[in-house]
Amino acid sequence: MISIDIEKNLKAYSGHRTLKVDGKFPMGSITKIYGPSGSGKTTFLKCIAGLITPEKGSIMVNEVLWFEPLSGVNLPTQKRAIGFVFQDYALFPNMTVQQHLEYATKDAAWIQQLLHMGKLETLADHKPIYLSGGQQQRLAILRALAIKPKLLLMDEPFSALDPEMRSALIKELKVLFIELNATVFIVSHNPQELEGLADSELLIL
């Protein structure tokens, strides 16, 4: 079980506001996160990852405390072993597609499986600058999956994909998430695209 009860101050166009999330999420569940622009959806993911520190609250994963300022606990990001698909992809400009995946795993068979799923086999020696936006986005997803994370955070992961590619990838991801027994949080501006993938939802206002 993942228990999250946090508060984080946000800077908004209308002044300061506070992100508040209090919920319990079963391990192995897939949660779609949606809400208006500026409500703190990306900030929520970064709080889970340890990239942003909430003002107060707690985060507990499988009975292991990740964050609780009253106890002085704030587990470093690298120790949380999370897969993260950033909205801006955060790819390394000097690494090829293959090198991005090799940076995360040495399992050659797993890398080939990921390349096939992302339809990037023929582009394995290409650097990000030579990839389309959709191809870069797929690479960002594959890189996050390469470590076989038990917790995967995805920020608008399908926004650059055409409907056919998005539908095919979501279908394969659904199977893969079950195989990995991964718990997944997906931020989407279009929650309808996640119908059939997510089994719960979180509205952030």
N, C-alpha and C. Protein backbone atom coordinates (compact mmCIF):
# COMPACT_ATOMS: atom_id res chain seq x y z
N MET A 1 0.84 -1.20 0.00
CA MET A 1 0.00 0.00 0.00
C MET A 1 0.88 1.25 0.00
N ILE A 2 0.47 2.24 -0.77
CA ILE A 2 1.14 3.53 -0.76
C ILE A 2 0.21 4.52 -0.07
N SER A 3 0.67 5.11 1.01
CA SER A 3 -0.11 6.10 1.75
C SER A 3 0.54 7.47 1.57
N ILE A 4 -0.24 8.41 1.06
CA ILE A 4 0.27 9.76 0.80
C ILE A 4 -0.66 10.77 1.45
N ASP A 5 -0.10 11.61 2.28
CA ASP A 5 -0.85 12.69 2.92
C ASP A 5 0.10 13.89 2.98
N ILE A 6 0.03 14.75 1.98
CA ILE A 6 1.00 15.83 1.87
C ILE A 6 0.32 17.18 1.59
N GLU A 7 1.06 18.22 1.93
CA GLU A 7 0.68 19.58 1.58
C GLU A 7 1.92 20.29 1.03
N LYS A 8 1.73 20.97 -0.11
CA LYS A 8 2.84 21.70 -0.73
C LYS A 8 2.33 23.03 -1.26
N ASN A 9 2.97 24.11 -0.86
CA ASN A 9 2.59 25.43 -1.34
C ASN A 9 2.99 25.60 -2.80
N LEU A 10 2.08 26.17 -3.58
CA LEU A 10 2.31 26.37 -5.01
C LEU A 10 2.23 27.86 -5.33
N LYS A 11 2.99 28.24 -6.36
CA LYS A 11 2.84 29.58 -6.91
C LYS A 11 1.92 29.50 -8.11
N ALA A 12 0.83 30.23 -8.06
CA ALA A 12 -0.15 30.20 -9.14
C ALA A 12 -0.36 31.60 -9.68
N TYR A 13 -0.97 31.68 -10.87
CA TYR A 13 -1.23 32.98 -11.49
C TYR A 13 -2.10 33.84 -10.57
N SER A 14 -2.98 33.21 -9.83
CA SER A 14 -3.89 33.95 -8.97
C SER A 14 -3.32 34.15 -7.57
N GLY A 15 -2.03 33.86 -7.42
CA GLY A 15 -1.39 33.97 -6.11
C GLY A 15 -1.02 32.61 -5.56
N HIS A 16 -0.74 32.55 -4.28
CA HIS A 16 -0.32 31.28 -3.67
C HIS A 16 -1.53 30.38 -3.40
N ARG A 17 -1.32 29.09 -3.62
CA ARG A 17 -2.34 28.11 -3.27
C ARG A 17 -1.61 26.88 -2.74
N THR A 18 -2.36 25.94 -2.20
CA THR A 18 -1.74 24.76 -1.58
C THR A 18 -2.24 23.48 -2.22
N LEU A 19 -1.30 22.64 -2.62
CA LEU A 19 -1.62 21.29 -3.10
C LEU A 19 -1.82 20.40 -1.89
N LYS A 20 -2.98 19.76 -1.81
CA LYS A 20 -3.26 18.83 -0.73
C LYS A 20 -3.72 17.50 -1.31
N VAL A 21 -3.03 16.45 -0.96
CA VAL A 21 -3.41 15.11 -1.40
C VAL A 21 -3.37 14.18 -0.20
N ASP A 22 -4.45 13.45 0.00
CA ASP A 22 -4.53 12.48 1.09
C ASP A 22 -5.22 11.23 0.53
N GLY A 23 -4.45 10.18 0.33
CA GLY A 23 -5.05 8.98 -0.25
C GLY A 23 -4.20 7.74 -0.02
N LYS A 24 -4.83 6.59 -0.22
CA LYS A 24 -4.14 5.30 -0.14
C LYS A 24 -4.31 4.59 -1.48
N PHE A 25 -3.21 4.05 -1.98
CA PHE A 25 -3.19 3.45 -3.31
C PHE A 25 -2.61 2.05 -3.22
N PRO A 26 -3.38 1.02 -3.57
CA PRO A 26 -2.88 -0.36 -3.48
C PRO A 26 -1.67 -0.59 -4.39
N MET A 27 -0.76 -1.41 -3.96
CA MET A 27 0.37 -1.79 -4.81
C MET A 27 -0.16 -2.54 -6.02
N GLY A 28 0.40 -2.23 -7.18
CA GLY A 28 -0.06 -2.86 -8.42
C GLY A 28 -1.20 -2.12 -9.09
N SER A 29 -1.66 -1.03 -8.48
CA SER A 29 -2.77 -0.27 -9.07
C SER A 29 -2.25 0.77 -10.07
N ILE A 30 -3.14 1.18 -10.96
CA ILE A 30 -2.82 2.21 -11.95
C ILE A 30 -3.80 3.36 -11.74
N THR A 31 -3.27 4.51 -11.37
CA THR A 31 -4.10 5.66 -11.03
C THR A 31 -3.91 6.77 -12.05
N LYS A 32 -5.00 7.23 -12.64
CA LYS A 32 -4.92 8.38 -13.54
C LYS A 32 -5.17 9.64 -12.72
N ILE A 33 -4.37 10.66 -12.98
CA ILE A 33 -4.44 11.92 -12.24
C ILE A 33 -4.81 13.03 -13.21
N TYR A 34 -5.83 13.78 -12.87
CA TYR A 34 -6.24 14.86 -13.76
C TYR A 34 -6.75 16.03 -12.94
N GLY A 35 -6.93 17.15 -13.62
CA GLY A 35 -7.38 18.37 -12.95
C GLY A 35 -6.96 19.57 -13.77
N PRO A 36 -7.39 20.76 -13.39
CA PRO A 36 -7.09 21.96 -14.17
C PRO A 36 -5.60 22.29 -14.20
N SER A 37 -5.20 23.06 -15.20
CA SER A 37 -3.81 23.49 -15.33
C SER A 37 -3.41 24.29 -14.09
N GLY A 38 -2.21 24.01 -13.59
CA GLY A 38 -1.71 24.73 -12.43
C GLY A 38 -2.18 24.20 -11.09
N SER A 39 -2.90 23.08 -11.11
CA SER A 39 -3.43 22.55 -9.85
C SER A 39 -2.38 21.79 -9.04
N GLY A 40 -1.24 21.44 -9.67
CA GLY A 40 -0.17 20.79 -8.94
C GLY A 40 0.02 19.32 -9.27
N LYS A 41 -0.46 18.88 -10.43
CA LYS A 41 -0.36 17.46 -10.79
C LYS A 41 1.11 17.02 -10.94
N THR A 42 1.89 17.82 -11.67
CA THR A 42 3.31 17.49 -11.84
C THR A 42 4.05 17.59 -10.51
N THR A 43 3.71 18.60 -9.72
CA THR A 43 4.32 18.77 -8.39
C THR A 43 4.05 17.54 -7.52
N PHE A 44 2.86 17.00 -7.60
CA PHE A 44 2.51 15.81 -6.84
C PHE A 44 3.44 14.65 -7.19
N LEU A 45 3.64 14.41 -8.49
CA LEU A 45 4.55 13.33 -8.90
C LEU A 45 5.96 13.58 -8.39
N LYS A 46 6.42 14.82 -8.48
CA LYS A 46 7.78 15.14 -8.04
C LYS A 46 7.94 15.02 -6.53
N CYS A 47 6.86 15.24 -5.79
CA CYS A 47 6.91 15.02 -4.35
C CYS A 47 7.10 13.53 -4.04
N ILE A 48 6.37 12.68 -4.77
CA ILE A 48 6.53 11.23 -4.58
C ILE A 48 7.96 10.80 -4.90
N ALA A 49 8.52 11.39 -5.96
CA ALA A 49 9.87 11.02 -6.41
C ALA A 49 10.97 11.58 -5.53
N GLY A 50 10.63 12.54 -4.67
CA GLY A 50 11.66 13.16 -3.84
C GLY A 50 12.36 14.31 -4.52
N LEU A 51 11.84 14.76 -5.66
CA LEU A 51 12.44 15.88 -6.39
C LEU A 51 11.97 17.22 -5.85
N ILE A 52 10.83 17.20 -5.17
CA ILE A 52 10.28 18.38 -4.51
C ILE A 52 9.88 17.96 -3.10
N THR A 53 10.14 18.82 -2.13
CA THR A 53 9.83 18.50 -0.73
C THR A 53 8.56 19.21 -0.28
N PRO A 54 7.55 18.47 0.15
CA PRO A 54 6.33 19.09 0.67
C PRO A 54 6.61 19.87 1.96
N GLU A 55 5.73 20.79 2.28
CA GLU A 55 5.87 21.53 3.54
C GLU A 55 5.58 20.62 4.73
N LYS A 56 4.62 19.73 4.58
CA LYS A 56 4.31 18.82 5.68
C LYS A 56 3.59 17.59 5.15
N GLY A 57 3.45 16.59 6.03
CA GLY A 57 2.76 15.36 5.65
C GLY A 57 3.65 14.14 5.73
N SER A 58 3.27 13.11 4.99
CA SER A 58 4.05 11.87 5.00
C SER A 58 3.80 11.07 3.73
N ILE A 59 4.79 10.28 3.35
CA ILE A 59 4.68 9.35 2.24
C ILE A 59 5.23 8.01 2.72
N MET A 60 4.40 6.98 2.65
CA MET A 60 4.83 5.65 3.09
C MET A 60 4.54 4.64 1.98
N VAL A 61 5.53 3.83 1.64
CA VAL A 61 5.40 2.84 0.57
C VAL A 61 5.72 1.47 1.13
N ASN A 62 4.74 0.56 1.08
CA ASN A 62 4.95 -0.79 1.62
C ASN A 62 5.49 -0.76 3.04
N GLU A 63 4.90 0.09 3.85
CA GLU A 63 5.25 0.22 5.27
C GLU A 63 6.65 0.77 5.50
N VAL A 64 7.27 1.30 4.43
CA VAL A 64 8.57 1.97 4.56
C VAL A 64 8.33 3.47 4.44
N LEU A 65 8.77 4.22 5.44
CA LEU A 65 8.56 5.67 5.45
C LEU A 65 9.56 6.34 4.50
N TRP A 66 9.01 7.04 3.50
CA TRP A 66 9.85 7.77 2.54
C TRP A 66 10.01 9.23 2.94
N PHE A 67 8.95 9.77 3.51
CA PHE A 67 8.99 11.19 3.84
C PHE A 67 8.12 11.47 5.06
N GLU A 68 8.70 12.14 6.03
CA GLU A 68 7.96 12.62 7.20
C GLU A 68 8.87 13.59 7.95
N PRO A 69 8.69 14.88 7.70
CA PRO A 69 9.60 15.86 8.31
C PRO A 69 9.61 15.83 9.83
N LEU A 70 8.48 15.48 10.45
CA LEU A 70 8.45 15.42 11.91
C LEU A 70 9.43 14.38 12.45
N SER A 71 9.67 13.34 11.64
CA SER A 71 10.63 12.29 12.04
C SER A 71 12.01 12.50 11.42
N GLY A 72 12.14 13.56 10.63
CA GLY A 72 13.41 13.82 9.96
C GLY A 72 13.70 12.89 8.81
N VAL A 73 12.64 12.26 8.26
CA VAL A 73 12.82 11.30 7.17
C VAL A 73 12.52 11.93 5.82
N ASN A 74 13.48 11.84 4.91
CA ASN A 74 13.27 12.28 3.52
C ASN A 74 14.21 11.46 2.64
N LEU A 75 13.74 10.29 2.22
CA LEU A 75 14.56 9.35 1.47
C LEU A 75 15.03 9.98 0.16
N PRO A 76 16.34 9.91 -0.16
CA PRO A 76 16.84 10.49 -1.41
C PRO A 76 16.17 9.85 -2.63
N THR A 77 16.06 10.61 -3.70
CA THR A 77 15.40 10.14 -4.92
C THR A 77 15.96 8.81 -5.40
N GLN A 78 17.29 8.69 -5.43
CA GLN A 78 17.92 7.48 -5.97
C GLN A 78 17.58 6.24 -5.15
N LYS A 79 17.27 6.41 -3.88
CA LYS A 79 16.91 5.27 -3.03
C LYS A 79 15.43 4.89 -3.15
N ARG A 80 14.65 5.73 -3.82
CA ARG A 80 13.23 5.42 -4.00
C ARG A 80 13.00 4.52 -5.21
N ALA A 81 14.04 4.35 -6.07
CA ALA A 81 14.00 3.42 -7.21
C ALA A 81 12.72 3.57 -8.03
N ILE A 82 12.47 4.80 -8.46
CA ILE A 82 11.26 5.12 -9.20
C ILE A 82 11.57 5.31 -10.68
N GLY A 83 10.65 4.88 -11.54
CA GLY A 83 10.71 5.23 -12.95
C GLY A 83 9.90 6.50 -13.16
N PHE A 84 10.45 7.47 -13.89
CA PHE A 84 9.77 8.76 -14.06
C PHE A 84 9.80 9.15 -15.54
N VAL A 85 8.62 9.37 -16.12
CA VAL A 85 8.53 9.89 -17.48
C VAL A 85 8.19 11.38 -17.36
N PHE A 86 9.18 12.21 -17.66
CA PHE A 86 9.00 13.65 -17.53
C PHE A 86 8.24 14.22 -18.72
N GLN A 87 7.51 15.30 -18.46
CA GLN A 87 6.72 15.93 -19.50
C GLN A 87 7.60 16.45 -20.64
N ASP A 88 8.82 16.89 -20.28
CA ASP A 88 9.75 17.40 -21.31
C ASP A 88 10.76 16.33 -21.74
N TYR A 89 10.48 15.07 -21.37
CA TYR A 89 11.26 13.88 -21.73
C TYR A 89 12.59 13.75 -20.98
N ALA A 90 13.33 14.89 -20.79
CA ALA A 90 14.60 14.88 -20.05
C ALA A 90 15.58 13.84 -20.60
N LEU A 91 15.70 13.79 -21.91
CA LEU A 91 16.63 12.86 -22.55
C LEU A 91 18.04 13.45 -22.58
N PHE A 92 19.03 12.57 -22.68
CA PHE A 92 20.43 13.01 -22.77
C PHE A 92 20.77 13.27 -24.24
N PRO A 93 21.13 14.48 -24.63
CA PRO A 93 21.33 14.82 -26.04
C PRO A 93 22.46 14.04 -26.73
N ASN A 94 23.47 13.63 -25.97
CA ASN A 94 24.62 12.95 -26.58
C ASN A 94 24.54 11.43 -26.52
N MET A 95 23.41 10.91 -26.06
CA MET A 95 23.24 9.46 -26.00
C MET A 95 22.29 9.00 -27.09
N THR A 96 22.59 7.85 -27.69
CA THR A 96 21.68 7.24 -28.66
C THR A 96 20.51 6.59 -27.91
N VAL A 97 19.52 6.16 -28.67
CA VAL A 97 18.39 5.44 -28.09
C VAL A 97 18.89 4.23 -27.30
N GLN A 98 19.78 3.46 -27.92
CA GLN A 98 20.34 2.26 -27.28
C GLN A 98 21.07 2.62 -25.98
N GLN A 99 21.86 3.68 -26.03
CA GLN A 99 22.65 4.07 -24.86
C GLN A 99 21.75 4.54 -23.71
N HIS A 100 20.63 5.18 -24.04
CA HIS A 100 19.69 5.58 -22.99
C HIS A 100 19.22 4.36 -22.20
N LEU A 101 18.92 3.28 -22.91
CA LEU A 101 18.42 2.08 -22.25
C LEU A 101 19.55 1.32 -21.54
N GLU A 102 20.73 1.31 -22.16
CA GLU A 102 21.88 0.63 -21.53
C GLU A 102 22.32 1.35 -20.26
N TYR A 103 22.05 2.65 -20.20
CA TYR A 103 22.38 3.43 -19.00
C TYR A 103 21.54 2.95 -17.81
N ALA A 104 20.34 2.45 -18.12
CA ALA A 104 19.41 2.03 -17.07
C ALA A 104 19.50 0.54 -16.76
N THR A 105 19.87 -0.28 -17.76
CA THR A 105 19.91 -1.73 -17.55
C THR A 105 20.97 -2.38 -18.45
N LYS A 106 21.51 -3.49 -18.00
CA LYS A 106 22.48 -4.24 -18.80
C LYS A 106 21.84 -5.47 -19.43
N ASP A 107 20.54 -5.62 -19.24
CA ASP A 107 19.80 -6.78 -19.75
C ASP A 107 19.50 -6.58 -21.23
N ALA A 108 20.30 -7.19 -22.10
CA ALA A 108 20.18 -6.98 -23.55
C ALA A 108 18.84 -7.45 -24.09
N ALA A 109 18.35 -8.57 -23.58
CA ALA A 109 17.07 -9.09 -24.06
C ALA A 109 15.92 -8.15 -23.68
N TRP A 110 16.00 -7.58 -22.48
CA TRP A 110 14.98 -6.64 -22.02
C TRP A 110 15.01 -5.36 -22.87
N ILE A 111 16.21 -4.92 -23.20
CA ILE A 111 16.36 -3.73 -24.06
C ILE A 111 15.72 -3.98 -25.42
N GLN A 112 15.94 -5.15 -25.97
CA GLN A 112 15.35 -5.46 -27.28
C GLN A 112 13.83 -5.53 -27.20
N GLN A 113 13.33 -6.06 -26.12
CA GLN A 113 11.87 -6.13 -25.93
C GLN A 113 11.28 -4.72 -25.85
N LEU A 114 11.96 -3.83 -25.13
CA LEU A 114 11.48 -2.46 -25.01
C LEU A 114 11.53 -1.73 -26.35
N LEU A 115 12.63 -1.91 -27.09
CA LEU A 115 12.76 -1.26 -28.40
C LEU A 115 11.64 -1.71 -29.33
N HIS A 116 11.32 -2.99 -29.27
CA HIS A 116 10.24 -3.53 -30.11
C HIS A 116 8.90 -2.92 -29.69
N MET A 117 8.65 -2.84 -28.40
CA MET A 117 7.39 -2.28 -27.93
C MET A 117 7.25 -0.82 -28.34
N GLY A 118 8.34 -0.08 -28.30
CA GLY A 118 8.30 1.33 -28.65
C GLY A 118 8.48 1.61 -30.12
N LYS A 119 8.61 0.55 -30.91
CA LYS A 119 8.81 0.69 -32.36
C LYS A 119 10.04 1.56 -32.66
N LEU A 120 11.12 1.31 -31.91
CA LEU A 120 12.34 2.10 -32.08
C LEU A 120 13.54 1.24 -32.47
N GLU A 121 13.29 -0.01 -32.87
CA GLU A 121 14.41 -0.91 -33.19
C GLU A 121 15.32 -0.33 -34.27
N THR A 122 14.74 0.27 -35.29
CA THR A 122 15.54 0.77 -36.42
C THR A 122 16.19 2.12 -36.10
N LEU A 123 15.88 2.67 -34.93
CA LEU A 123 16.42 3.98 -34.56
C LEU A 123 17.35 3.89 -33.36
N ALA A 124 17.81 2.69 -33.07
CA ALA A 124 18.60 2.46 -31.86
C ALA A 124 19.89 3.27 -31.81
N ASP A 125 20.44 3.60 -32.98
CA ASP A 125 21.70 4.34 -33.01
C ASP A 125 21.50 5.84 -33.23
N HIS A 126 20.25 6.30 -33.12
CA HIS A 126 19.94 7.72 -33.31
C HIS A 126 19.95 8.46 -31.98
N LYS A 127 20.43 9.71 -32.01
CA LYS A 127 20.36 10.58 -30.85
C LYS A 127 19.03 11.33 -30.86
N PRO A 128 18.61 11.87 -29.71
CA PRO A 128 17.29 12.50 -29.63
C PRO A 128 17.01 13.58 -30.66
N ILE A 129 18.02 14.34 -31.04
CA ILE A 129 17.81 15.42 -32.00
C ILE A 129 17.29 14.92 -33.34
N TYR A 130 17.56 13.64 -33.65
CA TYR A 130 17.14 13.07 -34.93
C TYR A 130 15.82 12.29 -34.80
N LEU A 131 15.18 12.39 -33.65
CA LEU A 131 13.90 11.71 -33.42
C LEU A 131 12.76 12.72 -33.45
N SER A 132 11.60 12.27 -33.87
CA SER A 132 10.41 13.12 -33.80
C SER A 132 9.97 13.26 -32.35
N GLY A 133 9.04 14.18 -32.10
CA GLY A 133 8.54 14.35 -30.74
C GLY A 133 7.92 13.08 -30.19
N GLY A 134 7.16 12.38 -31.03
CA GLY A 134 6.55 11.13 -30.60
C GLY A 134 7.58 10.06 -30.30
N GLN A 135 8.64 10.00 -31.11
CA GLN A 135 9.70 9.01 -30.87
C GLN A 135 10.47 9.33 -29.60
N GLN A 136 10.71 10.61 -29.35
CA GLN A 136 11.37 11.01 -28.10
C GLN A 136 10.53 10.63 -26.89
N GLN A 137 9.23 10.83 -27.02
CA GLN A 137 8.34 10.50 -25.91
C GLN A 137 8.33 9.00 -25.65
N ARG A 138 8.33 8.22 -26.70
CA ARG A 138 8.36 6.76 -26.52
C ARG A 138 9.68 6.33 -25.88
N LEU A 139 10.77 6.97 -26.26
CA LEU A 139 12.07 6.66 -25.65
C LEU A 139 12.04 7.00 -24.16
N ALA A 140 11.44 8.11 -23.80
CA ALA A 140 11.35 8.49 -22.39
C ALA A 140 10.58 7.43 -21.60
N ILE A 141 9.53 6.89 -22.20
CA ILE A 141 8.74 5.83 -21.54
C ILE A 141 9.59 4.56 -21.39
N LEU A 142 10.29 4.19 -22.46
CA LEU A 142 11.11 2.97 -22.42
C LEU A 142 12.22 3.08 -21.39
N ARG A 143 12.85 4.26 -21.32
CA ARG A 143 13.93 4.44 -20.36
C ARG A 143 13.41 4.29 -18.93
N ALA A 144 12.22 4.84 -18.66
CA ALA A 144 11.65 4.72 -17.32
C ALA A 144 11.34 3.27 -16.98
N LEU A 145 10.95 2.49 -17.99
CA LEU A 145 10.62 1.08 -17.79
C LEU A 145 11.86 0.20 -17.67
N ALA A 146 12.98 0.68 -18.17
CA ALA A 146 14.18 -0.17 -18.28
C ALA A 146 14.63 -0.73 -16.94
N ILE A 147 14.41 0.03 -15.85
CA ILE A 147 14.86 -0.45 -14.53
C ILE A 147 13.83 -1.39 -13.90
N LYS A 148 12.76 -1.69 -14.64
CA LYS A 148 11.66 -2.51 -14.13
C LYS A 148 11.17 -1.97 -12.78
N PRO A 149 10.73 -0.72 -12.79
CA PRO A 149 10.36 -0.07 -11.53
C PRO A 149 9.11 -0.68 -10.91
N LYS A 150 9.08 -0.68 -9.61
CA LYS A 150 7.87 -1.11 -8.90
C LYS A 150 6.91 0.07 -8.76
N LEU A 151 7.44 1.29 -8.90
CA LEU A 151 6.62 2.49 -8.87
C LEU A 151 7.00 3.35 -10.07
N LEU A 152 6.02 3.62 -10.91
CA LEU A 152 6.26 4.37 -12.15
C LEU A 152 5.40 5.62 -12.16
N LEU A 153 6.04 6.76 -12.38
CA LEU A 153 5.37 8.05 -12.42
C LEU A 153 5.44 8.59 -13.84
N MET A 154 4.29 8.89 -14.45
CA MET A 154 4.25 9.30 -15.85
C MET A 154 3.50 10.64 -15.98
N ASP A 155 4.20 11.64 -16.51
CA ASP A 155 3.62 12.98 -16.63
C ASP A 155 3.29 13.27 -18.09
N GLU A 156 2.01 13.20 -18.43
CA GLU A 156 1.54 13.41 -19.81
C GLU A 156 2.33 12.53 -20.80
N PRO A 157 2.38 11.21 -20.58
CA PRO A 157 3.29 10.36 -21.36
C PRO A 157 2.86 10.08 -22.80
N PHE A 158 1.61 10.42 -23.16
CA PHE A 158 1.13 10.07 -24.50
C PHE A 158 0.75 11.30 -25.34
N SER A 159 1.10 12.49 -24.86
CA SER A 159 0.63 13.73 -25.48
C SER A 159 1.14 13.94 -26.91
N ALA A 160 2.31 13.38 -27.24
CA ALA A 160 2.89 13.59 -28.57
C ALA A 160 2.61 12.44 -29.54
N LEU A 161 1.83 11.46 -29.10
CA LEU A 161 1.59 10.28 -29.93
C LEU A 161 0.29 10.41 -30.70
N ASP A 162 0.31 9.89 -31.93
CA ASP A 162 -0.93 9.89 -32.70
C ASP A 162 -1.86 8.82 -32.12
N PRO A 163 -3.17 8.93 -32.39
CA PRO A 163 -4.14 8.02 -31.75
C PRO A 163 -3.83 6.54 -31.95
N GLU A 164 -3.37 6.15 -33.14
CA GLU A 164 -3.09 4.74 -33.41
C GLU A 164 -1.92 4.24 -32.58
N MET A 165 -0.83 5.03 -32.54
CA MET A 165 0.34 4.64 -31.76
C MET A 165 0.02 4.64 -30.28
N ARG A 166 -0.74 5.64 -29.83
CA ARG A 166 -1.10 5.73 -28.41
C ARG A 166 -1.92 4.52 -27.99
N SER A 167 -2.89 4.14 -28.80
CA SER A 167 -3.75 3.00 -28.48
C SER A 167 -2.95 1.71 -28.41
N ALA A 168 -2.05 1.50 -29.38
CA ALA A 168 -1.23 0.28 -29.41
C ALA A 168 -0.29 0.21 -28.21
N LEU A 169 0.32 1.36 -27.88
CA LEU A 169 1.27 1.38 -26.77
C LEU A 169 0.57 1.17 -25.44
N ILE A 170 -0.57 1.80 -25.25
CA ILE A 170 -1.32 1.63 -24.00
C ILE A 170 -1.71 0.16 -23.81
N LYS A 171 -2.09 -0.50 -24.89
CA LYS A 171 -2.47 -1.91 -24.81
C LYS A 171 -1.29 -2.76 -24.34
N GLU A 172 -0.09 -2.47 -24.87
CA GLU A 172 1.10 -3.24 -24.47
C GLU A 172 1.53 -2.88 -23.05
N LEU A 173 1.40 -1.62 -22.70
CA LEU A 173 1.79 -1.20 -21.35
C LEU A 173 0.91 -1.85 -20.30
N LYS A 174 -0.35 -2.02 -20.60
CA LYS A 174 -1.26 -2.65 -19.64
C LYS A 174 -0.79 -4.04 -19.27
N VAL A 175 -0.35 -4.79 -20.26
CA VAL A 175 0.17 -6.15 -20.04
C VAL A 175 1.48 -6.08 -19.26
N LEU A 176 2.33 -5.15 -19.66
CA LEU A 176 3.65 -5.03 -19.04
C LEU A 176 3.55 -4.62 -17.57
N PHE A 177 2.65 -3.70 -17.26
CA PHE A 177 2.49 -3.26 -15.87
C PHE A 177 2.10 -4.44 -14.98
N ILE A 178 1.27 -5.32 -15.50
CA ILE A 178 0.87 -6.51 -14.74
C ILE A 178 2.06 -7.44 -14.53
N GLU A 179 2.86 -7.63 -15.60
CA GLU A 179 4.04 -8.49 -15.51
C GLU A 179 5.04 -7.96 -14.47
N LEU A 180 5.21 -6.66 -14.45
CA LEU A 180 6.17 -6.04 -13.54
C LEU A 180 5.58 -5.84 -12.14
N ASN A 181 4.27 -6.04 -12.02
CA ASN A 181 3.55 -5.74 -10.78
C ASN A 181 3.84 -4.30 -10.34
N ALA A 182 3.82 -3.40 -11.32
CA ALA A 182 4.16 -2.01 -11.07
C ALA A 182 2.95 -1.22 -10.59
N THR A 183 3.19 -0.30 -9.68
CA THR A 183 2.19 0.67 -9.27
C THR A 183 2.45 1.93 -10.09
N VAL A 184 1.41 2.45 -10.74
CA VAL A 184 1.61 3.51 -11.72
C VAL A 184 0.71 4.70 -11.43
N PHE A 185 1.29 5.89 -11.50
CA PHE A 185 0.54 7.14 -11.44
C PHE A 185 0.73 7.84 -12.78
N ILE A 186 -0.37 8.17 -13.46
CA ILE A 186 -0.29 8.79 -14.78
C ILE A 186 -1.06 10.11 -14.78
N VAL A 187 -0.34 11.21 -15.01
CA VAL A 187 -0.99 12.51 -15.17
C VAL A 187 -1.41 12.64 -16.63
N SER A 188 -2.67 13.04 -16.85
CA SER A 188 -3.16 13.20 -18.21
C SER A 188 -4.13 14.37 -18.29
N HIS A 189 -3.97 15.19 -19.34
CA HIS A 189 -4.94 16.27 -19.57
C HIS A 189 -6.19 15.72 -20.24
N ASN A 190 -6.07 14.47 -20.70
CA ASN A 190 -7.19 13.82 -21.38
C ASN A 190 -7.43 12.45 -20.74
N PRO A 191 -8.08 12.42 -19.57
CA PRO A 191 -8.23 11.14 -18.85
C PRO A 191 -8.97 10.08 -19.63
N GLN A 192 -9.74 10.47 -20.65
CA GLN A 192 -10.47 9.49 -21.45
C GLN A 192 -9.52 8.54 -22.18
N GLU A 193 -8.30 9.04 -22.50
CA GLU A 193 -7.36 8.20 -23.22
C GLU A 193 -6.87 7.02 -22.38
N LEU A 194 -7.11 7.09 -21.08
CA LEU A 194 -6.64 6.04 -20.17
C LEU A 194 -7.74 5.05 -19.80
N GLU A 195 -8.90 5.18 -20.44
CA GLU A 195 -9.97 4.22 -20.19
C GLU A 195 -9.49 2.81 -20.53
N GLY A 196 -9.69 1.89 -19.62
CA GLY A 196 -9.25 0.52 -19.86
C GLY A 196 -7.84 0.26 -19.36
N LEU A 197 -7.10 1.33 -19.03
CA LEU A 197 -5.74 1.17 -18.48
C LEU A 197 -5.75 1.42 -16.98
N ALA A 198 -6.24 2.58 -16.58
CA ALA A 198 -6.27 2.92 -15.15
C ALA A 198 -7.44 2.24 -14.45
N ASP A 199 -7.22 1.86 -13.19
CA ASP A 199 -8.30 1.25 -12.41
C ASP A 199 -8.74 2.14 -11.25
N SER A 200 -8.13 3.32 -11.13
CA SER A 200 -8.60 4.29 -10.15
C SER A 200 -8.21 5.68 -10.64
N GLU A 201 -8.74 6.70 -9.99
CA GLU A 201 -8.44 8.06 -10.44
C GLU A 201 -8.26 8.99 -9.26
N LEU A 202 -7.54 10.08 -9.51
CA LEU A 202 -7.31 11.09 -8.51
C LEU A 202 -7.48 12.45 -9.17
N LEU A 203 -8.44 13.20 -8.69
CA LEU A 203 -8.69 14.55 -9.19
C LEU A 203 -8.00 15.54 -8.28
N ILE A 204 -7.11 16.36 -8.88
CA ILE A 204 -6.40 17.39 -8.11
C ILE A 204 -6.94 18.75 -8.54
N LEU A 205 -7.48 19.48 -7.60
CA LEU A 205 -8.08 20.79 -7.88
C LEU A 205 -7.27 21.91 -7.24
